[in-house]
């Protein structure tokens, strides 16, 4: 005879807990460092694209004369 809905649910929860026990969680220090790196890269990328956008704006306006 197959499992009922409640049995399947509790089996799923138990399997999920076992899988979460196997997960290697990052330390707080690793998370902070990674977050800082992401913010720095985002800042550098935004500055780069702002510079490129300004350059293209000036080139286009120079060429069309407005």
PDB file of N, CA and C in Angstrom:
ATOM      1  N   UNK A   1       0.826  -1.173   0.000  1.00  0.00           N
ATOM      2  CA  UNK A   1       0.000   0.000   0.000  1.00  0.00           C
ATOM      3  C   UNK A   1       0.879   1.248   0.000  1.00  0.00           C
ATOM      4  N   UNK A   2       0.507   2.271  -0.753  1.00  0.00           N
ATOM      5  CA  UNK A   2       1.309   3.479  -0.878  1.00  0.00           C
ATOM      6  C   UNK A   2       1.185   4.402   0.319  1.00  0.00           C
ATOM      7  N   UNK A   3       2.044   5.399   0.330  1.00  0.00           N
ATOM      8  CA  UNK A   3       2.042   6.381   1.412  1.00  0.00           C
ATOM      9  C   UNK A   3       0.869   7.347   1.240  1.00  0.00           C
ATOM     10  N   UNK A   4       0.348   7.814   2.359  1.00  0.00           N
ATOM     11  CA  UNK A   4      -0.705   8.823   2.306  1.00  0.00           C
ATOM     12  C   UNK A   4      -0.070  10.188   2.114  1.00  0.00           C
ATOM     13  N   UNK A   5      -0.911  11.189   1.912  1.00  0.00           N
ATOM     14  CA  UNK A   5      -0.412  12.544   1.704  1.00  0.00           C
ATOM     15  C   UNK A   5       0.378  13.059   2.893  1.00  0.00           C
ATOM     16  N   UNK A   6      -0.108  12.770   4.106  1.00  0.00           N
ATOM     17  CA  UNK A   6       0.582  13.230   5.327  1.00  0.00           C
ATOM     18  C   UNK A   6       1.925  12.526   5.455  1.00  0.00           C
ATOM     19  N   UNK A   7       1.966  11.235   5.168  1.00  0.00           N
ATOM     20  CA  UNK A   7       3.225  10.483   5.260  1.00  0.00           C
ATOM     21  C   UNK A   7       4.232  11.012   4.245  1.00  0.00           C
ATOM     22  N   UNK A   8       3.766  11.328   3.035  1.00  0.00           N
ATOM     23  CA  UNK A   8       4.653  11.883   2.006  1.00  0.00           C
ATOM     24  C   UNK A   8       5.210  13.231   2.451  1.00  0.00           C
ATOM     25  N   UNK A   9       4.345  14.037   3.068  1.00  0.00           N
ATOM     26  CA  UNK A   9       4.778  15.358   3.533  1.00  0.00           C
ATOM     27  C   UNK A   9       5.876  15.227   4.583  1.00  0.00           C
ATOM     28  N   UNK A  10       5.647  14.373   5.604  1.00  0.00           N
ATOM     29  CA  UNK A  10       6.644  14.216   6.657  1.00  0.00           C
ATOM     30  C   UNK A  10       7.918  13.565   6.136  1.00  0.00           C
ATOM     31  N   UNK A  11       7.795  12.691   5.151  1.00  0.00           N
ATOM     32  CA  UNK A  11       8.968  12.090   4.525  1.00  0.00           C
ATOM     33  C   UNK A  11       9.774  13.163   3.789  1.00  0.00           C
ATOM     34  N   UNK A  12       9.063  14.049   3.094  1.00  0.00           N
ATOM     35  CA  UNK A  12       9.718  15.144   2.386  1.00  0.00           C
ATOM     36  C   UNK A  12      10.459  16.055   3.358  1.00  0.00           C
ATOM     37  N   UNK A  13       9.805  16.402   4.468  1.00  0.00           N
ATOM     38  CA  UNK A  13      10.422  17.272   5.468  1.00  0.00           C
ATOM     39  C   UNK A  13      11.676  16.609   6.042  1.00  0.00           C
ATOM     40  N   UNK A  14      11.602  15.319   6.338  1.00  0.00           N
ATOM     41  CA  UNK A  14      12.757  14.601   6.902  1.00  0.00           C
ATOM     42  C   UNK A  14      13.915  14.569   5.902  1.00  0.00           C
ATOM     43  N   UNK A  15      13.612  14.296   4.637  1.00  0.00           N
ATOM     44  CA  UNK A  15      14.658  14.267   3.602  1.00  0.00           C
ATOM     45  C   UNK A  15      15.273  15.656   3.429  1.00  0.00           C
ATOM     46  N   UNK A  16      14.453  16.685   3.489  1.00  0.00           N
ATOM     47  CA  UNK A  16      14.945  18.054   3.356  1.00  0.00           C
ATOM     48  C   UNK A  16      15.892  18.398   4.500  1.00  0.00           C
ATOM     49  N   UNK A  17      15.528  18.012   5.715  1.00  0.00           N
ATOM     50  CA  UNK A  17      16.405  18.273   6.868  1.00  0.00           C
ATOM     51  C   UNK A  17      17.738  17.551   6.719  1.00  0.00           C
ATOM     52  N   UNK A  18      17.708  16.310   6.226  1.00  0.00           N
ATOM     53  CA  UNK A  18      18.959  15.560   6.017  1.00  0.00           C
ATOM     54  C   UNK A  18      19.830  16.254   4.979  1.00  0.00           C
ATOM     55  N   UNK A  19      19.225  16.738   3.923  1.00  0.00           N
ATOM     56  CA  UNK A  19      19.995  17.448   2.892  1.00  0.00           C
ATOM     57  C   UNK A  19      20.590  18.744   3.447  1.00  0.00           C
ATOM     58  N   UNK A  20      19.824  19.479   4.251  1.00  0.00           N
ATOM     59  CA  UNK A  20      20.332  20.727   4.828  1.00  0.00           C
ATOM     60  C   UNK A  20      21.494  20.468   5.779  1.00  0.00           C
ATOM     61  N   UNK A  21      21.526  19.310   6.414  1.00  0.00           N
ATOM     62  CA  UNK A  21      22.662  18.971   7.277  1.00  0.00           C
ATOM     63  C   UNK A  21      23.944  18.788   6.472  1.00  0.00           C
ATOM     64  N   UNK A  22      23.818  18.454   5.201  1.00  0.00           N
ATOM     65  CA  UNK A  22      24.992  18.230   4.339  1.00  0.00           C
ATOM     66  C   UNK A  22      25.534  19.525   3.727  1.00  0.00           C
ATOM     67  N   UNK A  23      24.754  20.588   3.787  1.00  0.00           N
ATOM     68  CA  UNK A  23      25.144  21.854   3.160  1.00  0.00           C
ATOM     69  C   UNK A  23      26.330  22.459   3.901  1.00  0.00           C
ATOM     70  N   UNK A  24      27.288  22.970   3.141  1.00  0.00           N
ATOM     71  CA  UNK A  24      28.410  23.693   3.728  1.00  0.00           C
ATOM     72  C   UNK A  24      28.052  25.177   3.699  1.00  0.00           C
ATOM     73  N   UNK A  25      27.800  25.739   4.871  1.00  0.00           N
ATOM     74  CA  UNK A  25      27.373  27.121   4.963  1.00  0.00           C
ATOM     75  C   UNK A  25      28.597  28.036   5.034  1.00  0.00           C
ATOM     76  N   UNK A  26      28.498  29.188   4.404  1.00  0.00           N
ATOM     77  CA  UNK A  26      29.578  30.177   4.448  1.00  0.00           C
ATOM     78  C   UNK A  26      29.646  30.791   5.839  1.00  0.00           C
ATOM     79  N   UNK A  27      30.858  31.191   6.216  1.00  0.00           N
ATOM     80  CA  UNK A  27      31.006  31.876   7.498  1.00  0.00           C
ATOM     81  C   UNK A  27      30.560  33.328   7.338  1.00  0.00           C
ATOM     82  N   UNK A  28      30.335  33.982   8.461  1.00  0.00           N
ATOM     83  CA  UNK A  28      29.931  35.389   8.423  1.00  0.00           C
ATOM     84  C   UNK A  28      30.998  36.235   7.733  1.00  0.00           C
ATOM     85  N   UNK A  29      32.266  35.934   8.007  1.00  0.00           N
ATOM     86  CA  UNK A  29      33.367  36.681   7.402  1.00  0.00           C
ATOM     87  C   UNK A  29      33.356  36.527   5.883  1.00  0.00           C
ATOM     88  N   UNK A  30      33.138  35.315   5.387  1.00  0.00           N
ATOM     89  CA  UNK A  30      33.090  35.076   3.940  1.00  0.00           C
ATOM     90  C   UNK A  30      31.940  35.842   3.298  1.00  0.00           C
ATOM     91  N   UNK A  31      30.789  35.866   3.960  1.00  0.00           N
ATOM     92  CA  UNK A  31      29.629  36.573   3.421  1.00  0.00           C
ATOM     93  C   UNK A  31      29.896  38.077   3.361  1.00  0.00           C
ATOM     94  N   UNK A  32      30.498  38.626   4.418  1.00  0.00           N
ATOM     95  CA  UNK A  32      30.789  40.066   4.450  1.00  0.00           C
ATOM     96  C   UNK A  32      31.782  40.419   3.347  1.00  0.00           C
ATOM     97  N   UNK A  33      32.846  39.649   3.210  1.00  0.00           N
ATOM     98  CA  UNK A  33      33.862  39.927   2.188  1.00  0.00           C
ATOM     99  C   UNK A  33      33.264  39.832   0.790  1.00  0.00           C
ATOM    100  N   UNK A  34      32.479  38.795   0.556  1.00  0.00           N
ATOM    101  CA  UNK A  34      31.856  38.616  -0.760  1.00  0.00           C
ATOM    102  C   UNK A  34      30.902  39.767  -1.073  1.00  0.00           C
ATOM    103  N   UNK A  35      30.143  40.207  -0.077  1.00  0.00           N
ATOM    104  CA  UNK A  35      29.221  41.321  -0.273  1.00  0.00           C
ATOM    105  C   UNK A  35      29.979  42.598  -0.618  1.00  0.00           C
ATOM    106  N   UNK A  36      31.071  42.851   0.071  1.00  0.00           N
ATOM    107  CA  UNK A  36      31.881  44.043  -0.222  1.00  0.00           C
ATOM    108  C   UNK A  36      32.434  43.966  -1.643  1.00  0.00           C
ATOM    109  N   UNK A  37      32.921  42.805  -2.048  1.00  0.00           N
ATOM    110  CA  UNK A  37      33.455  42.634  -3.402  1.00  0.00           C
ATOM    111  C   UNK A  37      32.372  42.915  -4.442  1.00  0.00           C
ATOM    112  N   UNK A  38      31.162  42.414  -4.205  1.00  0.00           N
ATOM    113  CA  UNK A  38      30.064  42.649  -5.147  1.00  0.00           C
ATOM    114  C   UNK A  38      29.751  44.136  -5.257  1.00  0.00           C
ATOM    115  N   UNK A  39      29.691  44.841  -4.122  1.00  0.00           N
ATOM    116  CA  UNK A  39      29.419  46.282  -4.160  1.00  0.00           C
ATOM    117  C   UNK A  39      30.525  47.046  -4.878  1.00  0.00           C
ATOM    118  N   UNK A  40      31.771  46.686  -4.649  1.00  0.00           N
ATOM    119  CA  UNK A  40      32.888  47.369  -5.309  1.00  0.00           C
ATOM    120  C   UNK A  40      32.835  47.135  -6.813  1.00  0.00           C
ATOM    121  N   UNK A  41      32.602  45.904  -7.227  1.00  0.00           N
ATOM    122  CA  UNK A  41      32.523  45.602  -8.667  1.00  0.00           C
ATOM    123  C   UNK A  41      31.348  46.338  -9.301  1.00  0.00           C
ATOM    124  N   UNK A  42      30.204  46.391  -8.611  1.00  0.00           N
ATOM    125  CA  UNK A  42      29.049  47.121  -9.139  1.00  0.00           C
ATOM    126  C   UNK A  42      29.361  48.609  -9.270  1.00  0.00           C
ATOM    127  N   UNK A  43      30.066  49.174  -8.301  1.00  0.00           N
ATOM    128  CA  UNK A  43      30.442  50.588  -8.359  1.00  0.00           C
ATOM    129  C   UNK A  43      31.390  50.854  -9.528  1.00  0.00           C
ATOM    130  N   UNK A  44      32.404  50.009  -9.681  1.00  0.00           N
ATOM    131  CA  UNK A  44      33.362  50.177 -10.780  1.00  0.00           C
ATOM    132  C   UNK A  44      32.656  50.039 -12.127  1.00  0.00           C
ATOM    133  N   UNK A  45      31.776  49.058 -12.253  1.00  0.00           N
ATOM    134  CA  UNK A  45      31.052  48.866 -13.515  1.00  0.00           C
ATOM    135  C   UNK A  45      30.154  50.064 -13.809  1.00  0.00           C
ATOM    136  N   UNK A  46      29.462  50.578 -12.794  1.00  0.00           N
ATOM    137  CA  UNK A  46      28.578  51.723 -13.041  1.00  0.00           C
ATOM    138  C   UNK A  46      29.374  52.964 -13.437  1.00  0.00           C
ATOM    139  N   UNK A  47      30.533  53.167 -12.815  1.00  0.00           N
ATOM    140  CA  UNK A  47      31.378  54.298 -13.213  1.00  0.00           C
ATOM    141  C   UNK A  47      31.887  54.138 -14.641  1.00  0.00           C
ATOM    142  N   UNK A  48      32.287  52.914 -14.992  1.00  0.00           N
ATOM    143  CA  UNK A  48      32.761  52.653 -16.347  1.00  0.00           C
ATOM    144  C   UNK A  48      31.667  52.946 -17.374  1.00  0.00           C
ATOM    145  N   UNK A  49      30.459  52.419 -17.125  1.00  0.00           N
ATOM    146  CA  UNK A  49      29.376  52.622 -18.091  1.00  0.00           C
ATOM    147  C   UNK A  49      28.924  54.082 -18.135  1.00  0.00           C
ATOM    148  N   UNK A  50      28.998  54.793 -17.016  1.00  0.00           N
ATOM    149  CA  UNK A  50      28.677  56.223 -17.031  1.00  0.00           C
ATOM    150  C   UNK A  50      29.695  56.976 -17.881  1.00  0.00           C
ATOM    151  N   UNK A  51      30.964  56.608 -17.763  1.00  0.00           N
ATOM    152  CA  UNK A  51      32.013  57.243 -18.561  1.00  0.00           C
ATOM    153  C   UNK A  51      31.816  56.965 -20.047  1.00  0.00           C
ATOM    154  N   UNK A  52      31.557  55.717 -20.387  1.00  0.00           N
ATOM    155  CA  UNK A  52      31.338  55.355 -21.796  1.00  0.00           C
ATOM    156  C   UNK A  52      30.099  56.059 -22.338  1.00  0.00           C
ATOM    157  N   UNK A  53      29.035  56.126 -21.553  1.00  0.00           N
ATOM    158  CA  UNK A  53      27.814  56.796 -21.987  1.00  0.00           C
ATOM    159  C   UNK A  53      28.062  58.280 -22.233  1.00  0.00           C
ATOM    160  N   UNK A  54      28.790  58.916 -21.339  1.00  0.00           N
ATOM    161  CA  UNK A  54      29.111  60.342 -21.507  1.00  0.00           C
ATOM    162  C   UNK A  54      29.972  60.565 -22.741  1.00  0.00           C
ATOM    163  N   UNK A  55      30.932  59.672 -22.964  1.00  0.00           N
ATOM    164  CA  UNK A  55      31.795  59.785 -24.134  1.00  0.00           C
ATOM    165  C   UNK A  55      30.968  59.685 -25.418  1.00  0.00           C
ATOM    166  N   UNK A  56      30.088  58.671 -25.508  1.00  0.00           N
ATOM    167  CA  UNK A  56      29.267  58.512 -26.706  1.00  0.00           C
ATOM    168  C   UNK A  56      28.298  59.682 -26.879  1.00  0.00           C
ATOM    169  N   UNK A  57      27.774  60.209 -25.801  1.00  0.00           N
ATOM    170  CA  UNK A  57      26.893  61.369 -25.860  1.00  0.00           C
ATOM    171  C   UNK A  57      27.616  62.549 -26.499  1.00  0.00           C
ATOM    172  N   UNK A  58      28.835  62.807 -26.031  1.00  0.00           N
ATOM    173  CA  UNK A  58      29.597  63.941 -26.569  1.00  0.00           C
ATOM    174  C   UNK A  58      29.987  63.723 -28.032  1.00  0.00           C
ATOM    175  N   UNK A  59      30.368  62.492 -28.382  1.00  0.00           N
ATOM    176  CA  UNK A  59      30.744  62.201 -29.774  1.00  0.00           C
ATOM    177  C   UNK A  59      29.550  62.404 -30.698  1.00  0.00           C
ATOM    178  N   UNK A  60      28.409  61.864 -30.311  1.00  0.00           N
ATOM    179  CA  UNK A  60      27.211  61.974 -31.160  1.00  0.00           C
ATOM    180  C   UNK A  60      26.795  63.447 -31.299  1.00  0.00           C
ATOM    181  N   UNK A  61      26.797  64.180 -30.217  1.00  0.00           N
ATOM    182  CA  UNK A  61      26.408  65.582 -30.294  1.00  0.00           C
ATOM    183  C   UNK A  61      27.417  66.417 -31.072  1.00  0.00           C
ATOM    184  N   UNK A  62      28.667  66.051 -31.027  1.00  0.00           N
ATOM    185  CA  UNK A  62      29.677  66.738 -31.845  1.00  0.00           C
ATOM    186  C   UNK A  62      29.429  66.471 -33.324  1.00  0.00           C
ATOM    187  N   UNK A  63      29.114  65.198 -33.660  1.00  0.00           N
ATOM    188  CA  UNK A  63      28.919  64.831 -35.066  1.00  0.00           C
ATOM    189  C   UNK A  63      27.639  65.421 -35.657  1.00  0.00           C
ATOM    190  N   UNK A  64      26.574  65.478 -34.861  1.00  0.00           N
ATOM    191  CA  UNK A  64      25.330  66.023 -35.440  1.00  0.00           C
ATOM    192  C   UNK A  64      25.191  67.518 -35.204  1.00  0.00           C
ATOM    193  N   UNK A  65      26.084  68.080 -34.412  1.00  0.00           N
ATOM    194  CA  UNK A  65      26.157  69.542 -34.285  1.00  0.00           C
ATOM    195  C   UNK A  65      25.073  70.194 -33.465  1.00  0.00           C
ATOM    196  N   UNK A  66      24.541  69.508 -32.443  1.00  0.00           N
ATOM    197  CA  UNK A  66      23.527  70.171 -31.605  1.00  0.00           C
ATOM    198  C   UNK A  66      24.063  70.431 -30.224  1.00  0.00           C
TER     199      UNK A  66
END
